[in-house]
């Protein structure tokens, strides 16, 4: 055995010992279900306070009672108070849909999906895919009827692009 053989054998032994220690350290890590890890990440992202829950329940009760006009200012205030939370955006979209304003509801839903994509994942309890698809369909119908009246309106063409973007998001989701 020459000098290079001894160096090679020593290097292989060192690598084997290092691999052993890495495998031992890996055994001690948390081996949870990836879906459970994803749910925990979503819960960490959505900070829910008792005050927010109370306001959301008030708005939902108003919607259930058929008072979207009273719920709209409350929903907008909650959205301003919690601008990066998905649930107030989704609730604002629901209010706007009950007020027969599907285009503005579509924008609220788009923000909610951006903050929490689980609204489009059938495997999560937050799934809202069917409702969102219906809302986007109503918005498209409204936009197309307005485009017939004003064929060159650039704002309506932008709104139509937003509708198609949401259709792609919904189609690409698990729902």
N, C-alpha and C. Protein backbone atom coordinates (compact mmCIF):
# COMPACT_ATOMS: atom_id res chain seq x y z
N UNK A 1 0.84 -1.18 0.00
CA UNK A 1 0.00 0.00 0.00
C UNK A 1 0.88 1.23 0.00
N UNK A 2 0.57 2.09 -0.91
CA UNK A 2 1.35 3.32 -0.95
C UNK A 2 0.60 4.42 -0.18
N UNK A 3 1.16 5.59 -0.21
CA UNK A 3 0.65 6.72 0.56
C UNK A 3 -0.77 7.11 0.11
N UNK A 4 -1.09 7.07 -1.17
CA UNK A 4 -2.41 7.46 -1.67
C UNK A 4 -3.48 6.47 -1.24
N UNK A 5 -3.15 5.20 -1.15
CA UNK A 5 -4.12 4.21 -0.68
C UNK A 5 -4.49 4.47 0.77
N UNK A 6 -3.49 4.77 1.61
CA UNK A 6 -3.75 5.06 3.03
C UNK A 6 -4.61 6.31 3.18
N UNK A 7 -4.33 7.34 2.38
CA UNK A 7 -5.12 8.58 2.43
C UNK A 7 -6.56 8.30 1.99
N UNK A 8 -6.73 7.48 0.98
CA UNK A 8 -8.07 7.12 0.51
C UNK A 8 -8.85 6.37 1.55
N UNK A 9 -8.20 5.42 2.22
CA UNK A 9 -8.87 4.62 3.25
C UNK A 9 -9.27 5.52 4.42
N UNK A 10 -8.39 6.41 4.83
CA UNK A 10 -8.69 7.33 5.94
C UNK A 10 -9.86 8.25 5.55
N UNK A 11 -9.87 8.74 4.31
CA UNK A 11 -10.95 9.62 3.86
C UNK A 11 -12.29 8.88 3.86
N UNK A 12 -12.29 7.63 3.42
CA UNK A 12 -13.54 6.85 3.40
C UNK A 12 -14.03 6.62 4.82
N UNK A 13 -13.12 6.34 5.76
CA UNK A 13 -13.50 6.13 7.16
C UNK A 13 -14.10 7.40 7.75
N UNK A 14 -13.47 8.54 7.48
CA UNK A 14 -13.98 9.82 7.99
C UNK A 14 -15.37 10.10 7.43
N UNK A 15 -15.57 9.88 6.15
CA UNK A 15 -16.87 10.10 5.53
C UNK A 15 -17.93 9.15 6.10
N UNK A 16 -17.56 7.91 6.37
CA UNK A 16 -18.50 6.95 6.94
C UNK A 16 -18.91 7.37 8.34
N UNK A 17 -17.96 7.84 9.14
CA UNK A 17 -18.28 8.29 10.50
C UNK A 17 -19.17 9.53 10.44
N UNK A 18 -18.86 10.46 9.54
CA UNK A 18 -19.68 11.67 9.39
C UNK A 18 -21.10 11.30 8.96
N UNK A 19 -21.24 10.36 8.04
CA UNK A 19 -22.56 9.93 7.59
C UNK A 19 -23.35 9.30 8.73
N UNK A 20 -22.66 8.53 9.59
CA UNK A 20 -23.31 7.92 10.75
C UNK A 20 -23.88 8.99 11.67
N UNK A 21 -23.08 10.03 11.97
CA UNK A 21 -23.55 11.10 12.85
C UNK A 21 -24.70 11.89 12.22
N UNK A 22 -24.68 12.10 10.92
CA UNK A 22 -25.76 12.82 10.25
C UNK A 22 -27.04 12.01 10.31
N UNK A 23 -26.95 10.70 10.13
CA UNK A 23 -28.14 9.86 10.21
C UNK A 23 -28.70 9.84 11.62
N UNK A 24 -27.85 9.84 12.62
CA UNK A 24 -28.32 9.87 14.00
C UNK A 24 -29.02 11.19 14.31
N UNK A 25 -28.48 12.28 13.83
CA UNK A 25 -29.09 13.59 14.06
C UNK A 25 -30.42 13.69 13.34
N UNK A 26 -30.55 13.08 12.18
CA UNK A 26 -31.79 13.12 11.40
C UNK A 26 -32.90 12.36 12.08
N UNK A 27 -32.59 11.34 12.83
CA UNK A 27 -33.62 10.55 13.52
C UNK A 27 -34.33 11.35 14.59
N UNK A 28 -33.66 12.30 15.17
CA UNK A 28 -34.25 13.09 16.25
C UNK A 28 -35.18 14.17 15.76
N UNK A 29 -35.22 14.46 14.46
CA UNK A 29 -36.08 15.53 13.96
C UNK A 29 -37.53 15.08 13.91
N UNK A 30 -38.41 16.06 13.85
CA UNK A 30 -39.84 15.82 13.82
C UNK A 30 -40.26 15.28 12.46
N UNK A 31 -40.88 14.11 12.44
CA UNK A 31 -41.33 13.47 11.20
C UNK A 31 -42.85 13.55 11.12
N UNK A 32 -43.38 14.76 10.94
CA UNK A 32 -44.82 14.93 10.85
C UNK A 32 -45.29 14.85 9.41
N UNK A 33 -46.57 14.67 9.30
CA UNK A 33 -47.23 14.63 7.99
C UNK A 33 -47.06 15.99 7.31
N UNK A 34 -46.69 16.02 6.02
CA UNK A 34 -46.53 17.31 5.33
C UNK A 34 -47.81 18.15 5.33
N UNK A 35 -48.99 17.51 5.27
CA UNK A 35 -50.23 18.27 5.30
C UNK A 35 -50.43 18.93 6.66
N UNK A 36 -50.01 18.25 7.73
CA UNK A 36 -50.11 18.84 9.06
C UNK A 36 -49.18 20.04 9.17
N UNK A 37 -47.99 19.91 8.60
CA UNK A 37 -47.06 21.04 8.62
C UNK A 37 -47.63 22.21 7.83
N UNK A 38 -48.30 21.93 6.71
CA UNK A 38 -48.89 22.99 5.90
C UNK A 38 -50.01 23.68 6.68
N UNK A 39 -50.85 22.89 7.36
CA UNK A 39 -51.93 23.49 8.13
C UNK A 39 -51.40 24.37 9.25
N UNK A 40 -50.33 23.93 9.91
CA UNK A 40 -49.74 24.74 10.96
C UNK A 40 -49.17 26.04 10.40
N UNK A 41 -48.59 25.98 9.22
CA UNK A 41 -48.05 27.19 8.60
C UNK A 41 -49.17 28.18 8.28
N UNK A 42 -50.31 27.67 7.83
CA UNK A 42 -51.44 28.55 7.53
C UNK A 42 -51.96 29.16 8.82
N UNK A 43 -52.03 28.38 9.88
CA UNK A 43 -52.51 28.90 11.16
C UNK A 43 -51.56 29.96 11.70
N UNK A 44 -50.27 29.79 11.48
CA UNK A 44 -49.32 30.80 11.92
C UNK A 44 -49.48 32.08 11.12
N UNK A 45 -49.81 31.95 9.82
CA UNK A 45 -49.99 33.12 8.97
C UNK A 45 -51.24 33.89 9.33
N UNK A 46 -52.30 33.18 9.71
CA UNK A 46 -53.55 33.84 10.02
C UNK A 46 -53.63 34.05 11.53
N UNK A 47 -53.34 35.24 11.93
CA UNK A 47 -53.37 35.59 13.34
C UNK A 47 -54.80 35.97 13.67
N UNK A 48 -55.43 35.19 14.50
CA UNK A 48 -56.82 35.42 14.84
C UNK A 48 -56.89 35.93 16.27
N UNK A 49 -57.50 37.07 16.43
CA UNK A 49 -57.68 37.63 17.75
C UNK A 49 -59.15 37.51 18.13
N UNK A 50 -59.46 37.53 19.40
CA UNK A 50 -60.87 37.47 19.80
C UNK A 50 -61.67 38.64 19.23
N UNK A 51 -61.03 39.80 19.13
CA UNK A 51 -61.71 40.97 18.57
C UNK A 51 -62.07 40.74 17.10
N UNK A 52 -61.13 40.18 16.33
CA UNK A 52 -61.39 39.89 14.92
C UNK A 52 -62.50 38.86 14.79
N UNK A 53 -62.46 37.82 15.58
CA UNK A 53 -63.50 36.79 15.53
C UNK A 53 -64.87 37.38 15.87
N UNK A 54 -64.90 38.28 16.84
CA UNK A 54 -66.17 38.90 17.23
C UNK A 54 -66.72 39.74 16.08
N UNK A 55 -65.86 40.54 15.44
CA UNK A 55 -66.30 41.37 14.33
C UNK A 55 -66.76 40.52 13.15
N UNK A 56 -66.05 39.44 12.87
CA UNK A 56 -66.43 38.56 11.77
C UNK A 56 -67.78 37.91 12.05
N UNK A 57 -68.01 37.50 13.29
CA UNK A 57 -69.30 36.89 13.65
C UNK A 57 -70.45 37.89 13.50
N UNK A 58 -70.21 39.16 13.85
CA UNK A 58 -71.25 40.18 13.70
C UNK A 58 -71.60 40.34 12.23
N UNK A 59 -70.57 40.40 11.38
CA UNK A 59 -70.81 40.57 9.94
C UNK A 59 -71.53 39.36 9.38
N UNK A 60 -71.13 38.17 9.78
CA UNK A 60 -71.81 36.95 9.30
C UNK A 60 -73.27 36.91 9.73
N UNK A 61 -73.53 37.34 10.97
CA UNK A 61 -74.91 37.37 11.45
C UNK A 61 -75.74 38.35 10.63
N UNK A 62 -75.17 39.50 10.29
CA UNK A 62 -75.88 40.46 9.45
C UNK A 62 -76.15 39.88 8.06
N UNK A 63 -75.18 39.16 7.51
CA UNK A 63 -75.38 38.54 6.20
C UNK A 63 -76.46 37.47 6.27
N UNK A 64 -76.42 36.66 7.32
CA UNK A 64 -77.43 35.61 7.48
C UNK A 64 -78.83 36.20 7.65
N UNK A 65 -78.89 37.38 8.27
CA UNK A 65 -80.18 38.04 8.47
C UNK A 65 -80.64 38.77 7.22
N UNK A 66 -79.79 38.83 6.20
CA UNK A 66 -80.17 39.49 4.95
C UNK A 66 -79.97 40.99 4.98
N UNK A 67 -78.98 41.46 5.72
CA UNK A 67 -78.69 42.89 5.81
C UNK A 67 -77.29 43.20 5.28
N UNK A 68 -77.05 43.00 3.99
CA UNK A 68 -75.71 43.29 3.48
C UNK A 68 -75.36 44.77 3.50
N UNK A 69 -76.37 45.65 3.44
CA UNK A 69 -76.09 47.09 3.48
C UNK A 69 -75.50 47.50 4.83
N UNK A 70 -75.97 46.88 5.90
CA UNK A 70 -75.42 47.17 7.22
C UNK A 70 -74.07 46.48 7.41
N UNK A 71 -73.88 45.35 6.76
CA UNK A 71 -72.64 44.59 6.92
C UNK A 71 -71.49 45.20 6.13
N UNK A 72 -71.80 45.92 5.03
CA UNK A 72 -70.73 46.44 4.18
C UNK A 72 -69.78 47.40 4.90
N UNK A 73 -70.26 48.43 5.61
CA UNK A 73 -69.30 49.32 6.28
C UNK A 73 -68.49 48.61 7.35
N UNK A 74 -69.12 47.66 8.03
CA UNK A 74 -68.38 46.89 9.05
C UNK A 74 -67.29 46.04 8.40
N UNK A 75 -67.64 45.40 7.27
CA UNK A 75 -66.66 44.56 6.58
C UNK A 75 -65.49 45.39 6.06
N UNK A 76 -65.79 46.57 5.52
CA UNK A 76 -64.72 47.43 5.02
C UNK A 76 -63.84 47.93 6.16
N UNK A 77 -64.43 48.19 7.31
CA UNK A 77 -63.64 48.62 8.47
C UNK A 77 -62.73 47.49 8.95
N UNK A 78 -63.24 46.27 8.95
CA UNK A 78 -62.42 45.12 9.39
C UNK A 78 -61.28 44.90 8.39
N UNK A 79 -61.57 45.07 7.10
CA UNK A 79 -60.51 44.92 6.09
C UNK A 79 -59.44 45.98 6.28
N UNK A 80 -59.85 47.21 6.61
CA UNK A 80 -58.85 48.26 6.86
C UNK A 80 -58.08 48.00 8.14
N UNK A 81 -58.74 47.45 9.12
CA UNK A 81 -58.07 47.17 10.39
C UNK A 81 -57.10 45.99 10.27
N UNK A 82 -57.46 45.00 9.47
CA UNK A 82 -56.63 43.80 9.26
C UNK A 82 -56.38 43.64 7.76
N UNK A 83 -55.53 44.48 7.16
CA UNK A 83 -55.41 44.50 5.70
C UNK A 83 -54.77 43.26 5.09
N UNK A 84 -54.02 42.50 5.85
CA UNK A 84 -53.33 41.35 5.29
C UNK A 84 -53.90 40.03 5.77
N UNK A 85 -55.12 40.04 6.24
CA UNK A 85 -55.81 38.82 6.65
C UNK A 85 -56.75 38.40 5.54
N UNK A 86 -56.83 37.12 5.28
CA UNK A 86 -57.64 36.61 4.19
C UNK A 86 -59.13 36.58 4.54
N UNK A 87 -59.45 36.24 5.76
CA UNK A 87 -60.86 36.05 6.12
C UNK A 87 -61.69 37.33 6.00
N UNK A 88 -61.19 38.48 6.44
CA UNK A 88 -61.99 39.70 6.21
C UNK A 88 -62.19 40.01 4.73
N UNK A 89 -61.18 39.73 3.90
CA UNK A 89 -61.34 39.95 2.46
C UNK A 89 -62.42 39.02 1.89
N UNK A 90 -62.41 37.77 2.31
CA UNK A 90 -63.41 36.81 1.83
C UNK A 90 -64.80 37.24 2.29
N UNK A 91 -64.90 37.72 3.50
CA UNK A 91 -66.18 38.17 4.03
C UNK A 91 -66.67 39.40 3.28
N UNK A 92 -65.76 40.31 2.95
CA UNK A 92 -66.14 41.49 2.16
C UNK A 92 -66.66 41.05 0.80
N UNK A 93 -66.02 40.06 0.20
CA UNK A 93 -66.51 39.52 -1.07
C UNK A 93 -67.92 38.96 -0.93
N UNK A 94 -68.18 38.26 0.16
CA UNK A 94 -69.53 37.72 0.39
C UNK A 94 -70.56 38.84 0.51
N UNK A 95 -70.18 39.90 1.23
CA UNK A 95 -71.08 41.04 1.39
C UNK A 95 -71.38 41.67 0.03
N UNK A 96 -70.33 41.88 -0.76
CA UNK A 96 -70.51 42.50 -2.07
C UNK A 96 -71.32 41.61 -3.01
N UNK A 97 -71.17 40.31 -2.91
CA UNK A 97 -71.99 39.41 -3.73
C UNK A 97 -73.47 39.53 -3.35
N UNK A 98 -73.76 39.63 -2.07
CA UNK A 98 -75.16 39.78 -1.65
C UNK A 98 -75.71 41.14 -2.07
N UNK A 99 -74.83 42.11 -2.24
CA UNK A 99 -75.27 43.43 -2.69
C UNK A 99 -75.31 43.53 -4.21
N UNK A 100 -75.14 42.39 -4.90
CA UNK A 100 -75.20 42.31 -6.36
C UNK A 100 -74.10 43.14 -7.03
N UNK A 101 -72.88 43.09 -6.46
CA UNK A 101 -71.72 43.75 -7.06
C UNK A 101 -70.63 42.70 -7.27
N UNK A 102 -70.80 41.82 -8.28
CA UNK A 102 -69.86 40.71 -8.44
C UNK A 102 -68.46 41.15 -8.86
N UNK A 103 -68.33 42.27 -9.52
CA UNK A 103 -67.00 42.71 -9.97
C UNK A 103 -66.14 43.10 -8.77
N UNK A 104 -66.70 43.90 -7.88
CA UNK A 104 -65.94 44.28 -6.69
C UNK A 104 -65.72 43.08 -5.76
N UNK A 105 -66.70 42.18 -5.72
CA UNK A 105 -66.54 40.96 -4.91
C UNK A 105 -65.39 40.13 -5.45
N UNK A 106 -65.27 40.09 -6.77
CA UNK A 106 -64.20 39.32 -7.40
C UNK A 106 -62.83 39.85 -6.95
N UNK A 107 -62.71 41.17 -6.83
CA UNK A 107 -61.43 41.75 -6.39
C UNK A 107 -61.14 41.38 -4.93
N UNK A 108 -62.17 41.40 -4.09
CA UNK A 108 -61.98 41.01 -2.70
C UNK A 108 -61.58 39.53 -2.60
N UNK A 109 -62.23 38.69 -3.41
CA UNK A 109 -61.90 37.27 -3.41
C UNK A 109 -60.46 37.05 -3.91
N UNK A 110 -60.05 37.83 -4.90
CA UNK A 110 -58.70 37.70 -5.43
C UNK A 110 -57.66 37.99 -4.33
N UNK A 111 -57.92 39.04 -3.54
CA UNK A 111 -57.00 39.35 -2.43
C UNK A 111 -57.01 38.24 -1.39
N UNK A 112 -58.19 37.71 -1.09
CA UNK A 112 -58.28 36.65 -0.09
C UNK A 112 -57.51 35.41 -0.54
N UNK A 113 -57.62 35.07 -1.82
CA UNK A 113 -56.89 33.92 -2.34
C UNK A 113 -55.38 34.18 -2.30
N UNK A 114 -55.00 35.43 -2.55
CA UNK A 114 -53.58 35.77 -2.50
C UNK A 114 -53.02 35.63 -1.09
N UNK A 115 -53.83 35.96 -0.09
CA UNK A 115 -53.36 35.85 1.30
C UNK A 115 -53.44 34.43 1.83
N UNK A 116 -54.43 33.67 1.36
CA UNK A 116 -54.59 32.30 1.83
C UNK A 116 -55.06 31.41 0.68
N UNK A 117 -54.13 30.75 -0.02
CA UNK A 117 -54.51 29.91 -1.15
C UNK A 117 -55.32 28.67 -0.76
N UNK A 118 -55.45 28.40 0.52
CA UNK A 118 -56.22 27.24 0.96
C UNK A 118 -57.70 27.38 0.65
N UNK A 119 -58.16 28.57 0.30
CA UNK A 119 -59.55 28.73 -0.10
C UNK A 119 -59.84 27.95 -1.39
N UNK A 120 -58.80 27.60 -2.12
CA UNK A 120 -58.98 26.85 -3.37
C UNK A 120 -58.58 25.39 -3.24
N UNK A 121 -58.16 24.95 -2.07
CA UNK A 121 -57.70 23.57 -1.87
C UNK A 121 -58.81 22.76 -1.22
N UNK A 122 -59.33 21.79 -1.96
CA UNK A 122 -60.45 20.98 -1.48
C UNK A 122 -60.11 20.21 -0.20
N UNK A 123 -58.86 19.97 0.05
CA UNK A 123 -58.46 19.16 1.20
C UNK A 123 -58.44 19.95 2.51
N UNK A 124 -58.65 21.24 2.45
CA UNK A 124 -58.60 22.06 3.66
C UNK A 124 -60.00 22.47 4.09
N UNK A 125 -60.16 22.78 5.36
CA UNK A 125 -61.49 23.21 5.82
C UNK A 125 -61.88 24.60 5.31
N UNK A 126 -60.93 25.37 4.78
CA UNK A 126 -61.24 26.71 4.28
C UNK A 126 -61.73 26.70 2.83
N UNK A 127 -61.90 25.56 2.22
CA UNK A 127 -62.23 25.46 0.80
C UNK A 127 -63.48 26.26 0.46
N UNK A 128 -63.36 27.14 -0.55
CA UNK A 128 -64.47 27.97 -1.03
C UNK A 128 -64.55 27.94 -2.55
N UNK A 129 -63.98 26.94 -3.17
CA UNK A 129 -63.82 26.91 -4.62
C UNK A 129 -65.10 27.06 -5.41
N UNK A 130 -66.15 26.36 -5.03
CA UNK A 130 -67.41 26.41 -5.78
C UNK A 130 -68.02 27.80 -5.70
N UNK A 131 -68.01 28.39 -4.51
CA UNK A 131 -68.55 29.74 -4.35
C UNK A 131 -67.75 30.73 -5.18
N UNK A 132 -66.43 30.58 -5.18
CA UNK A 132 -65.58 31.49 -5.94
C UNK A 132 -65.81 31.34 -7.44
N UNK A 133 -65.99 30.11 -7.89
CA UNK A 133 -66.23 29.89 -9.31
C UNK A 133 -67.55 30.53 -9.74
N UNK A 134 -68.57 30.41 -8.92
CA UNK A 134 -69.86 31.04 -9.23
C UNK A 134 -69.74 32.56 -9.24
N UNK A 135 -69.00 33.09 -8.28
CA UNK A 135 -68.84 34.55 -8.21
C UNK A 135 -68.09 35.08 -9.43
N UNK A 136 -67.05 34.37 -9.83
CA UNK A 136 -66.28 34.80 -11.00
C UNK A 136 -67.14 34.68 -12.26
N UNK A 137 -67.98 33.67 -12.33
CA UNK A 137 -68.89 33.53 -13.47
C UNK A 137 -69.88 34.69 -13.54
N UNK A 138 -70.42 35.09 -12.39
CA UNK A 138 -71.33 36.24 -12.37
C UNK A 138 -70.61 37.52 -12.76
N UNK A 139 -69.37 37.67 -12.30
CA UNK A 139 -68.59 38.86 -12.66
C UNK A 139 -68.33 38.89 -14.16
N UNK A 140 -68.03 37.75 -14.74
CA UNK A 140 -67.79 37.70 -16.18
C UNK A 140 -69.06 38.07 -16.95
N UNK A 141 -70.20 37.57 -16.51
CA UNK A 141 -71.47 37.91 -17.16
C UNK A 141 -71.73 39.41 -17.09
N UNK A 142 -71.48 39.98 -15.93
CA UNK A 142 -71.67 41.43 -15.74
C UNK A 142 -70.72 42.23 -16.64
N UNK A 143 -69.48 41.82 -16.70
CA UNK A 143 -68.48 42.53 -17.52
C UNK A 143 -68.84 42.43 -18.99
N UNK A 144 -69.24 41.25 -19.44
CA UNK A 144 -69.59 41.09 -20.85
C UNK A 144 -70.82 41.91 -21.23
N UNK A 145 -71.79 42.00 -20.32
CA UNK A 145 -72.97 42.82 -20.63
C UNK A 145 -72.59 44.30 -20.69
N UNK A 146 -71.68 44.74 -19.83
CA UNK A 146 -71.22 46.13 -19.88
C UNK A 146 -70.36 46.38 -21.12
N UNK A 147 -69.60 45.38 -21.53
CA UNK A 147 -68.78 45.54 -22.73
C UNK A 147 -69.64 45.67 -23.99
N UNK A 148 -70.82 45.06 -23.99
CA UNK A 148 -71.73 45.22 -25.14
C UNK A 148 -72.22 46.66 -25.24
N UNK A 149 -72.38 47.30 -24.09
CA UNK A 149 -72.84 48.69 -24.08
C UNK A 149 -71.70 49.65 -24.40
N UNK A 150 -70.49 49.33 -23.90
CA UNK A 150 -69.31 50.19 -24.09
C UNK A 150 -68.16 49.32 -24.58
N UNK A 151 -68.11 49.02 -25.89
CA UNK A 151 -67.13 48.05 -26.41
C UNK A 151 -65.67 48.45 -26.27
N UNK A 152 -65.34 49.71 -26.19
CA UNK A 152 -63.93 50.10 -26.14
C UNK A 152 -63.42 50.43 -24.75
N UNK A 153 -64.16 50.11 -23.71
CA UNK A 153 -63.79 50.49 -22.35
C UNK A 153 -62.59 49.67 -21.86
N UNK A 154 -61.48 50.35 -21.60
CA UNK A 154 -60.25 49.67 -21.17
C UNK A 154 -60.38 49.09 -19.76
N UNK A 155 -61.12 49.79 -18.89
CA UNK A 155 -61.29 49.28 -17.52
C UNK A 155 -62.01 47.93 -17.54
N UNK A 156 -63.01 47.82 -18.36
CA UNK A 156 -63.74 46.55 -18.45
C UNK A 156 -62.86 45.45 -19.04
N UNK A 157 -62.01 45.80 -19.98
CA UNK A 157 -61.09 44.80 -20.53
C UNK A 157 -60.10 44.32 -19.47
N UNK A 158 -59.65 45.24 -18.59
CA UNK A 158 -58.76 44.84 -17.49
C UNK A 158 -59.51 43.93 -16.50
N UNK A 159 -60.76 44.28 -16.25
CA UNK A 159 -61.57 43.45 -15.35
C UNK A 159 -61.74 42.05 -15.93
N UNK A 160 -61.91 41.98 -17.24
CA UNK A 160 -62.07 40.68 -17.90
C UNK A 160 -60.79 39.86 -17.76
N UNK A 161 -59.63 40.52 -17.84
CA UNK A 161 -58.36 39.81 -17.65
C UNK A 161 -58.26 39.28 -16.22
N UNK A 162 -58.75 40.05 -15.27
CA UNK A 162 -58.75 39.60 -13.88
C UNK A 162 -59.65 38.38 -13.71
N UNK A 163 -60.79 38.38 -14.39
CA UNK A 163 -61.70 37.23 -14.33
C UNK A 163 -61.00 35.99 -14.86
N UNK A 164 -60.34 36.13 -16.00
CA UNK A 164 -59.67 34.96 -16.58
C UNK A 164 -58.50 34.51 -15.70
N UNK A 165 -57.83 35.45 -15.05
CA UNK A 165 -56.77 35.08 -14.11
C UNK A 165 -57.35 34.22 -12.98
N UNK A 166 -58.49 34.65 -12.44
CA UNK A 166 -59.10 33.88 -11.34
C UNK A 166 -59.62 32.53 -11.83
N UNK A 167 -60.14 32.48 -13.05
CA UNK A 167 -60.53 31.18 -13.60
C UNK A 167 -59.34 30.23 -13.68
N UNK A 168 -58.18 30.75 -14.08
CA UNK A 168 -56.98 29.90 -14.14
C UNK A 168 -56.56 29.45 -12.75
N UNK A 169 -56.64 30.36 -11.77
CA UNK A 169 -56.29 29.99 -10.40
C UNK A 169 -57.22 28.89 -9.88
N UNK A 170 -58.51 29.05 -10.17
CA UNK A 170 -59.48 28.06 -9.70
C UNK A 170 -59.26 26.73 -10.42
N UNK A 171 -59.02 26.79 -11.72
CA UNK A 171 -58.80 25.55 -12.48
C UNK A 171 -57.51 24.85 -12.06
N UNK A 172 -56.51 25.60 -11.67
CA UNK A 172 -55.23 25.02 -11.27
C UNK A 172 -55.21 24.55 -9.84
N UNK A 173 -56.27 24.84 -9.10
CA UNK A 173 -56.31 24.44 -7.70
C UNK A 173 -56.71 22.98 -7.60
N UNK A 174 -56.77 22.50 -6.38
CA UNK A 174 -57.16 21.11 -6.14
C UNK A 174 -58.67 20.95 -6.15
N UNK A 175 -59.41 22.02 -6.34
CA UNK A 175 -60.87 21.95 -6.31
C UNK A 175 -61.37 21.95 -7.67
